[in-house]
Amino acid sequence: MLLAVQLYTVRDLLQKDFSGTLKALKSMGVEYIEGASGYDRKPEEWKDLMGELGFRVVGGHVGLEALVRNPIGVAAEAKLLGYDCVIVPWASGKNYPGGWKAFAEILNLLSGQLKAAGVVGGYHNHNHEMELENGTPGLDIIFANTDPNLVKAQIDVGWVNFGGGDPVSYIRKYGSRLNSVHLKDSVRGPEHIDVVAGTGQVDWDGVAAACFEVGCKYGALEMDNPPGDALKSVEKSLDFYRSKGIGK
């Protein structure tokens, strides 16, 4: 399984020192990245920059509104940068009169448009998809009502854990449609607080074993708000994941 870094983790540093932050990641041995924003750069600039720095883009998060507005353009950008799965990073079933099932129908439609343009869609969870809707977790409703050939799963293990779910079970349950996992540690409590990998409650031995078992393509380190020095938190977490055989 490839080990990547989701650039949302260091978004504040990228705004201050774009080149320096990417070079710092490179010095940590990072070869693969997952995008979440263009940082005011055109896709062609991104392609040239990633080639220059020796990074490979393995995926991208694209907001639902942007995908609705221009699915063909989103697909073209993904293909230009060399990845094949466009991930919707957040949604809420409460925004739809029909709940998560209604959202799933929209996601399925948009992913069909992406597939026609040469890529597939996917969905990344947070903790609120663990809440029950008519007795079923929202995440299960989404995947039960989308075509597995169109909509891939990106299980965020930290958010699943924080929401009261079992990341290992979810990886195994959706292994056949798993595009990737988000590697994030977490502690259950009144609010989500990012922690350095290995210091939270996620069963990393179980997560690693399940990922290898189902043949997950890559895992992307992500912290929404890294504790302390962001780059040091990333480096410590990368070292921890490598100690579990991820990215080797």
Foldseek 3Di string as FASTA:
>chain_A
DAEEAECLLVVVVCLVPVVVVLVLVVVLVHAEYEYEDPSPPDLVVVQVVCVVSRHAYAEYEDAPVVLVVCVLVVLVSCVSSPYAEYEHEDDFLVVDPVGLLVVLVVQQVSLVVSVVNPHAYEYEDALQQQDDDVHHRSVVSNVVNHDLVHYAYAYAQQRCVQNPHASLVVCQVRLVRHQEYEDFAFEHDPDTDGDQPPPHDHPLLSNLVSCVVSVHPAYYYHDNHFPDPSSVSVSSNVVVNVVSVHND
